[in-house]
Amino acid sequence: MKKRKLTPFGLRVKNRLADLNMSQKDLAEKLGTSGAYLSMILYGVRSGNMYIEDIKQILDIDY
């Protein structure tokens, strides 16, 4: 089975979550989505277009 890799955006989000001592689950709750769906966005399985701007705003990143 092929191991998935984070997209560049996903990697940036993960690093920022670590900086803020925030979990992926915390971010998903703030977005109003599931942790599984957020994971799919970070790994490029789903585009997550409706969440990208909110993710950038919550984490204060400008990817």
PDB file of N, CA and C in Angstrom:
ATOM      1  N   MET A   1       0.834  -1.182   0.000  1.00  0.00           N
ATOM      2  CA  MET A   1       0.000   0.000   0.000  1.00  0.00           C
ATOM      3  C   MET A   1       0.880   1.248   0.000  1.00  0.00           C
ATOM      4  N   LYS A   2       0.562   2.191  -0.852  1.00  0.00           N
ATOM      5  CA  LYS A   2       1.355   3.400  -0.988  1.00  0.00           C
ATOM      6  C   LYS A   2       1.072   4.366   0.165  1.00  0.00           C
ATOM      7  N   LYS A   3       2.131   4.851   0.773  1.00  0.00           N
ATOM      8  CA  LYS A   3       1.981   5.807   1.864  1.00  0.00           C
ATOM      9  C   LYS A   3       1.749   7.196   1.282  1.00  0.00           C
ATOM     10  N   ARG A   4       0.729   7.859   1.774  1.00  0.00           N
ATOM     11  CA  ARG A   4       0.423   9.206   1.307  1.00  0.00           C
ATOM     12  C   ARG A   4       1.409  10.211   1.892  1.00  0.00           C
ATOM     13  N   LYS A   5       1.615  11.287   1.167  1.00  0.00           N
ATOM     14  CA  LYS A   5       2.482  12.355   1.636  1.00  0.00           C
ATOM     15  C   LYS A   5       1.678  13.635   1.734  1.00  0.00           C
ATOM     16  N   LEU A   6       2.024  14.447   2.711  1.00  0.00           N
ATOM     17  CA  LEU A   6       1.387  15.744   2.857  1.00  0.00           C
ATOM     18  C   LEU A   6       1.696  16.612   1.644  1.00  0.00           C
ATOM     19  N   THR A   7       0.737  17.418   1.252  1.00  0.00           N
ATOM     20  CA  THR A   7       0.987  18.417   0.216  1.00  0.00           C
ATOM     21  C   THR A   7       1.849  19.513   0.843  1.00  0.00           C
ATOM     22  N   PRO A   8       2.446  20.383   0.042  1.00  0.00           N
ATOM     23  CA  PRO A   8       3.194  21.505   0.634  1.00  0.00           C
ATOM     24  C   PRO A   8       2.318  22.348   1.577  1.00  0.00           C
ATOM     25  N   PHE A   9       1.063  22.558   1.189  1.00  0.00           N
ATOM     26  CA  PHE A   9       0.133  23.288   2.062  1.00  0.00           C
ATOM     27  C   PHE A   9      -0.104  22.489   3.343  1.00  0.00           C
ATOM     28  N   GLY A  10      -0.305  21.191   3.219  1.00  0.00           N
ATOM     29  CA  GLY A  10      -0.527  20.340   4.380  1.00  0.00           C
ATOM     30  C   GLY A  10       0.648  20.367   5.337  1.00  0.00           C
ATOM     31  N   LEU A  11       1.847  20.356   4.800  1.00  0.00           N
ATOM     32  CA  LEU A  11       3.052  20.424   5.622  1.00  0.00           C
ATOM     33  C   LEU A  11       3.120  21.761   6.364  1.00  0.00           C
ATOM     34  N   ARG A  12       2.783  22.835   5.673  1.00  0.00           N
ATOM     35  CA  ARG A  12       2.783  24.167   6.291  1.00  0.00           C
ATOM     36  C   ARG A  12       1.763  24.221   7.432  1.00  0.00           C
ATOM     37  N   VAL A  13       0.583  23.647   7.193  1.00  0.00           N
ATOM     38  CA  VAL A  13      -0.461  23.624   8.218  1.00  0.00           C
ATOM     39  C   VAL A  13      -0.001  22.820   9.429  1.00  0.00           C
ATOM     40  N   LYS A  14       0.557  21.641   9.196  1.00  0.00           N
ATOM     41  CA  LYS A  14       1.026  20.791  10.303  1.00  0.00           C
ATOM     42  C   LYS A  14       2.094  21.509  11.136  1.00  0.00           C
ATOM     43  N   ASN A  15       3.030  22.169  10.465  1.00  0.00           N
ATOM     44  CA  ASN A  15       4.082  22.896  11.184  1.00  0.00           C
ATOM     45  C   ASN A  15       3.499  24.037  12.010  1.00  0.00           C
ATOM     46  N   ARG A  16       2.530  24.735  11.435  1.00  0.00           N
ATOM     47  CA  ARG A  16       1.906  25.856  12.138  1.00  0.00           C
ATOM     48  C   ARG A  16       1.076  25.358  13.333  1.00  0.00           C
ATOM     49  N   LEU A  17       0.408  24.237  13.161  1.00  0.00           N
ATOM     50  CA  LEU A  17      -0.336  23.650  14.273  1.00  0.00           C
ATOM     51  C   LEU A  17       0.610  23.347  15.436  1.00  0.00           C
ATOM     52  N   ALA A  18       1.776  22.814  15.117  1.00  0.00           N
ATOM     53  CA  ALA A  18       2.772  22.511  16.149  1.00  0.00           C
ATOM     54  C   ALA A  18       3.239  23.799  16.832  1.00  0.00           C
ATOM     55  N   ASP A  19       3.470  24.850  16.039  1.00  0.00           N
ATOM     56  CA  ASP A  19       3.888  26.139  16.605  1.00  0.00           C
ATOM     57  C   ASP A  19       2.857  26.673  17.591  1.00  0.00           C
ATOM     58  N   LEU A  20       1.590  26.472  17.275  1.00  0.00           N
ATOM     59  CA  LEU A  20       0.497  27.001  18.093  1.00  0.00           C
ATOM     60  C   LEU A  20       0.046  26.026  19.174  1.00  0.00           C
ATOM     61  N   ASN A  21       0.694  24.866  19.238  1.00  0.00           N
ATOM     62  CA  ASN A  21       0.304  23.816  20.176  1.00  0.00           C
ATOM     63  C   ASN A  21      -1.182  23.484  20.026  1.00  0.00           C
ATOM     64  N   MET A  22      -1.609  23.361  18.771  1.00  0.00           N
ATOM     65  CA  MET A  22      -3.002  23.075  18.436  1.00  0.00           C
ATOM     66  C   MET A  22      -3.046  21.738  17.712  1.00  0.00           C
ATOM     67  N   SER A  23      -4.071  20.969  17.955  1.00  0.00           N
ATOM     68  CA  SER A  23      -4.188  19.683  17.268  1.00  0.00           C
ATOM     69  C   SER A  23      -4.967  19.837  15.969  1.00  0.00           C
ATOM     70  N   GLN A  24      -4.828  18.853  15.126  1.00  0.00           N
ATOM     71  CA  GLN A  24      -5.579  18.838  13.872  1.00  0.00           C
ATOM     72  C   GLN A  24      -7.081  18.763  14.183  1.00  0.00           C
ATOM     73  N   LYS A  25      -7.408  18.061  15.239  1.00  0.00           N
ATOM     74  CA  LYS A  25      -8.813  17.959  15.650  1.00  0.00           C
ATOM     75  C   LYS A  25      -9.344  19.328  16.076  1.00  0.00           C
ATOM     76  N   ASP A  26      -8.530  20.094  16.806  1.00  0.00           N
ATOM     77  CA  ASP A  26      -8.936  21.450  17.213  1.00  0.00           C
ATOM     78  C   ASP A  26      -9.243  22.311  15.987  1.00  0.00           C
ATOM     79  N   LEU A  27      -8.369  22.234  14.997  1.00  0.00           N
ATOM     80  CA  LEU A  27      -8.566  23.007  13.776  1.00  0.00           C
ATOM     81  C   LEU A  27      -9.836  22.566  13.061  1.00  0.00           C
ATOM     82  N   ALA A  28     -10.043  21.275  12.962  1.00  0.00           N
ATOM     83  CA  ALA A  28     -11.248  20.753  12.295  1.00  0.00           C
ATOM     84  C   ALA A  28     -12.507  21.261  12.987  1.00  0.00           C
ATOM     85  N   GLU A  29     -12.498  21.288  14.316  1.00  0.00           N
ATOM     86  CA  GLU A  29     -13.659  21.776  15.066  1.00  0.00           C
ATOM     87  C   GLU A  29     -13.903  23.252  14.788  1.00  0.00           C
ATOM     88  N   LYS A  30     -12.836  24.048  14.721  1.00  0.00           N
ATOM     89  CA  LYS A  30     -12.988  25.467  14.414  1.00  0.00           C
ATOM     90  C   LYS A  30     -13.535  25.680  13.005  1.00  0.00           C
ATOM     91  N   LEU A  31     -13.179  24.780  12.099  1.00  0.00           N
ATOM     92  CA  LEU A  31     -13.652  24.874  10.719  1.00  0.00           C
ATOM     93  C   LEU A  31     -15.076  24.347  10.559  1.00  0.00           C
ATOM     94  N   GLY A  32     -15.514  23.538  11.513  1.00  0.00           N
ATOM     95  CA  GLY A  32     -16.836  22.930  11.415  1.00  0.00           C
ATOM     96  C   GLY A  32     -16.852  21.719  10.497  1.00  0.00           C
ATOM     97  N   THR A  33     -15.740  21.015  10.444  1.00  0.00           N
ATOM     98  CA  THR A  33     -15.642  19.803   9.623  1.00  0.00           C
ATOM     99  C   THR A  33     -15.037  18.687  10.477  1.00  0.00           C
ATOM    100  N   SER A  34     -14.931  17.520   9.891  1.00  0.00           N
ATOM    101  CA  SER A  34     -14.363  16.387  10.628  1.00  0.00           C
ATOM    102  C   SER A  34     -12.840  16.368  10.499  1.00  0.00           C
ATOM    103  N   GLY A  35     -12.224  15.713  11.454  1.00  0.00           N
ATOM    104  CA  GLY A  35     -10.778  15.541  11.390  1.00  0.00           C
ATOM    105  C   GLY A  35     -10.366  14.738  10.174  1.00  0.00           C
ATOM    106  N   ALA A  36     -11.193  13.769   9.804  1.00  0.00           N
ATOM    107  CA  ALA A  36     -10.900  12.937   8.630  1.00  0.00           C
ATOM    108  C   ALA A  36     -10.915  13.771   7.354  1.00  0.00           C
ATOM    109  N   TYR A  37     -11.886  14.670   7.233  1.00  0.00           N
ATOM    110  CA  TYR A  37     -11.960  15.501   6.028  1.00  0.00           C
ATOM    111  C   TYR A  37     -10.781  16.470   5.979  1.00  0.00           C
ATOM    112  N   LEU A  38     -10.438  17.050   7.118  1.00  0.00           N
ATOM    113  CA  LEU A  38      -9.277  17.935   7.161  1.00  0.00           C
ATOM    114  C   LEU A  38      -8.020  17.180   6.748  1.00  0.00           C
ATOM    115  N   SER A  39      -7.878  15.959   7.201  1.00  0.00           N
ATOM    116  CA  SER A  39      -6.726  15.142   6.817  1.00  0.00           C
ATOM    117  C   SER A  39      -6.697  14.927   5.306  1.00  0.00           C
ATOM    118  N   MET A  40      -7.852  14.679   4.720  1.00  0.00           N
ATOM    119  CA  MET A  40      -7.905  14.493   3.263  1.00  0.00           C
ATOM    120  C   MET A  40      -7.466  15.753   2.533  1.00  0.00           C
ATOM    121  N   ILE A  41      -7.789  16.922   3.083  1.00  0.00           N
ATOM    122  CA  ILE A  41      -7.343  18.182   2.480  1.00  0.00           C
ATOM    123  C   ILE A  41      -5.821  18.285   2.564  1.00  0.00           C
ATOM    124  N   LEU A  42      -5.271  17.983   3.735  1.00  0.00           N
ATOM    125  CA  LEU A  42      -3.828  18.135   3.950  1.00  0.00           C
ATOM    126  C   LEU A  42      -3.008  17.155   3.118  1.00  0.00           C
ATOM    127  N   TYR A  43      -3.597  16.008   2.796  1.00  0.00           N
ATOM    128  CA  TYR A  43      -2.901  15.019   1.980  1.00  0.00           C
ATOM    129  C   TYR A  43      -3.261  15.111   0.496  1.00  0.00           C
ATOM    130  N   GLY A  44      -4.097  16.061   0.129  1.00  0.00           N
ATOM    131  CA  GLY A  44      -4.410  16.283  -1.275  1.00  0.00           C
ATOM    132  C   GLY A  44      -5.443  15.349  -1.858  1.00  0.00           C
ATOM    133  N   VAL A  45      -6.143  14.599  -1.012  1.00  0.00           N
ATOM    134  CA  VAL A  45      -7.197  13.705  -1.495  1.00  0.00           C
ATOM    135  C   VAL A  45      -8.423  14.529  -1.889  1.00  0.00           C
ATOM    136  N   ARG A  46      -8.689  15.572  -1.127  1.00  0.00           N
ATOM    137  CA  ARG A  46      -9.780  16.513  -1.404  1.00  0.00           C
ATOM    138  C   ARG A  46      -9.178  17.903  -1.562  1.00  0.00           C
ATOM    139  N   SER A  47      -9.808  18.731  -2.399  1.00  0.00           N
ATOM    140  CA  SER A  47      -9.288  20.083  -2.611  1.00  0.00           C
ATOM    141  C   SER A  47      -9.536  20.973  -1.408  1.00  0.00           C
ATOM    142  N   GLY A  48     -10.686  20.813  -0.767  1.00  0.00           N
ATOM    143  CA  GLY A  48     -11.001  21.625   0.408  1.00  0.00           C
ATOM    144  C   GLY A  48     -11.120  23.099   0.121  1.00  0.00           C
ATOM    145  N   ASN A  49     -11.481  23.438  -1.119  1.00  0.00           N
ATOM    146  CA  ASN A  49     -11.533  24.848  -1.522  1.00  0.00           C
ATOM    147  C   ASN A  49     -12.336  25.730  -0.573  1.00  0.00           C
ATOM    148  N   MET A  50     -13.420  25.197  -0.026  1.00  0.00           N
ATOM    149  CA  MET A  50     -14.250  26.032   0.846  1.00  0.00           C
ATOM    150  C   MET A  50     -13.626  26.250   2.221  1.00  0.00           C
ATOM    151  N   TYR A  51     -12.559  25.523   2.551  1.00  0.00           N
ATOM    152  CA  TYR A  51     -11.921  25.650   3.859  1.00  0.00           C
ATOM    153  C   TYR A  51     -10.545  26.305   3.825  1.00  0.00           C
ATOM    154  N   ILE A  52      -9.934  26.382   2.679  1.00  0.00           N
ATOM    155  CA  ILE A  52      -8.540  26.858   2.583  1.00  0.00           C
ATOM    156  C   ILE A  52      -8.367  28.254   3.184  1.00  0.00           C
ATOM    157  N   GLU A  53      -9.218  29.191   2.801  1.00  0.00           N
ATOM    158  CA  GLU A  53      -9.086  30.560   3.318  1.00  0.00           C
ATOM    159  C   GLU A  53      -9.294  30.605   4.827  1.00  0.00           C
ATOM    160  N   ASP A  54     -10.243  29.830   5.332  1.00  0.00           N
ATOM    161  CA  ASP A  54     -10.481  29.784   6.778  1.00  0.00           C
ATOM    162  C   ASP A  54      -9.281  29.184   7.510  1.00  0.00           C
ATOM    163  N   ILE A  55      -8.691  28.152   6.939  1.00  0.00           N
ATOM    164  CA  ILE A  55      -7.503  27.543   7.543  1.00  0.00           C
ATOM    165  C   ILE A  55      -6.383  28.577   7.626  1.00  0.00           C
ATOM    166  N   LYS A  56      -6.162  29.287   6.538  1.00  0.00           N
ATOM    167  CA  LYS A  56      -5.100  30.294   6.511  1.00  0.00           C
ATOM    168  C   LYS A  56      -5.364  31.403   7.526  1.00  0.00           C
ATOM    169  N   GLN A  57      -6.626  31.797   7.670  1.00  0.00           N
ATOM    170  CA  GLN A  57      -6.966  32.852   8.625  1.00  0.00           C
ATOM    171  C   GLN A  57      -6.798  32.368  10.063  1.00  0.00           C
ATOM    172  N   ILE A  58      -7.306  31.189  10.376  1.00  0.00           N
ATOM    173  CA  ILE A  58      -7.208  30.660  11.741  1.00  0.00           C
ATOM    174  C   ILE A  58      -5.755  30.489  12.165  1.00  0.00           C
ATOM    175  N   LEU A  59      -4.936  29.987  11.244  1.00  0.00           N
ATOM    176  CA  LEU A  59      -3.525  29.712  11.572  1.00  0.00           C
ATOM    177  C   LEU A  59      -2.603  30.889  11.295  1.00  0.00           C
ATOM    178  N   ASP A  60      -3.169  31.968  10.723  1.00  0.00           N
ATOM    179  CA  ASP A  60      -2.386  33.158  10.389  1.00  0.00           C
ATOM    180  C   ASP A  60      -1.192  32.814   9.495  1.00  0.00           C
ATOM    181  N   ILE A  61      -1.514  32.115   8.404  1.00  0.00           N
ATOM    182  CA  ILE A  61      -0.491  31.796   7.404  1.00  0.00           C
ATOM    183  C   ILE A  61      -0.906  32.388   6.069  1.00  0.00           C
ATOM    184  N   ASP A  62       0.054  32.637   5.222  1.00  0.00           N
ATOM    185  CA  ASP A  62      -0.232  33.175   3.882  1.00  0.00           C
ATOM    186  C   ASP A  62       0.444  32.318   2.838  1.00  0.00           C
ATOM    187  N   TYR A  63      -0.004  31.091   2.752  1.00  0.00           N
ATOM    188  CA  TYR A  63       0.606  30.137   1.843  1.00  0.00           C
ATOM    189  C   TYR A  63       0.291  30.483   0.420  1.00  0.00           C
TER     190      TYR A  63
END
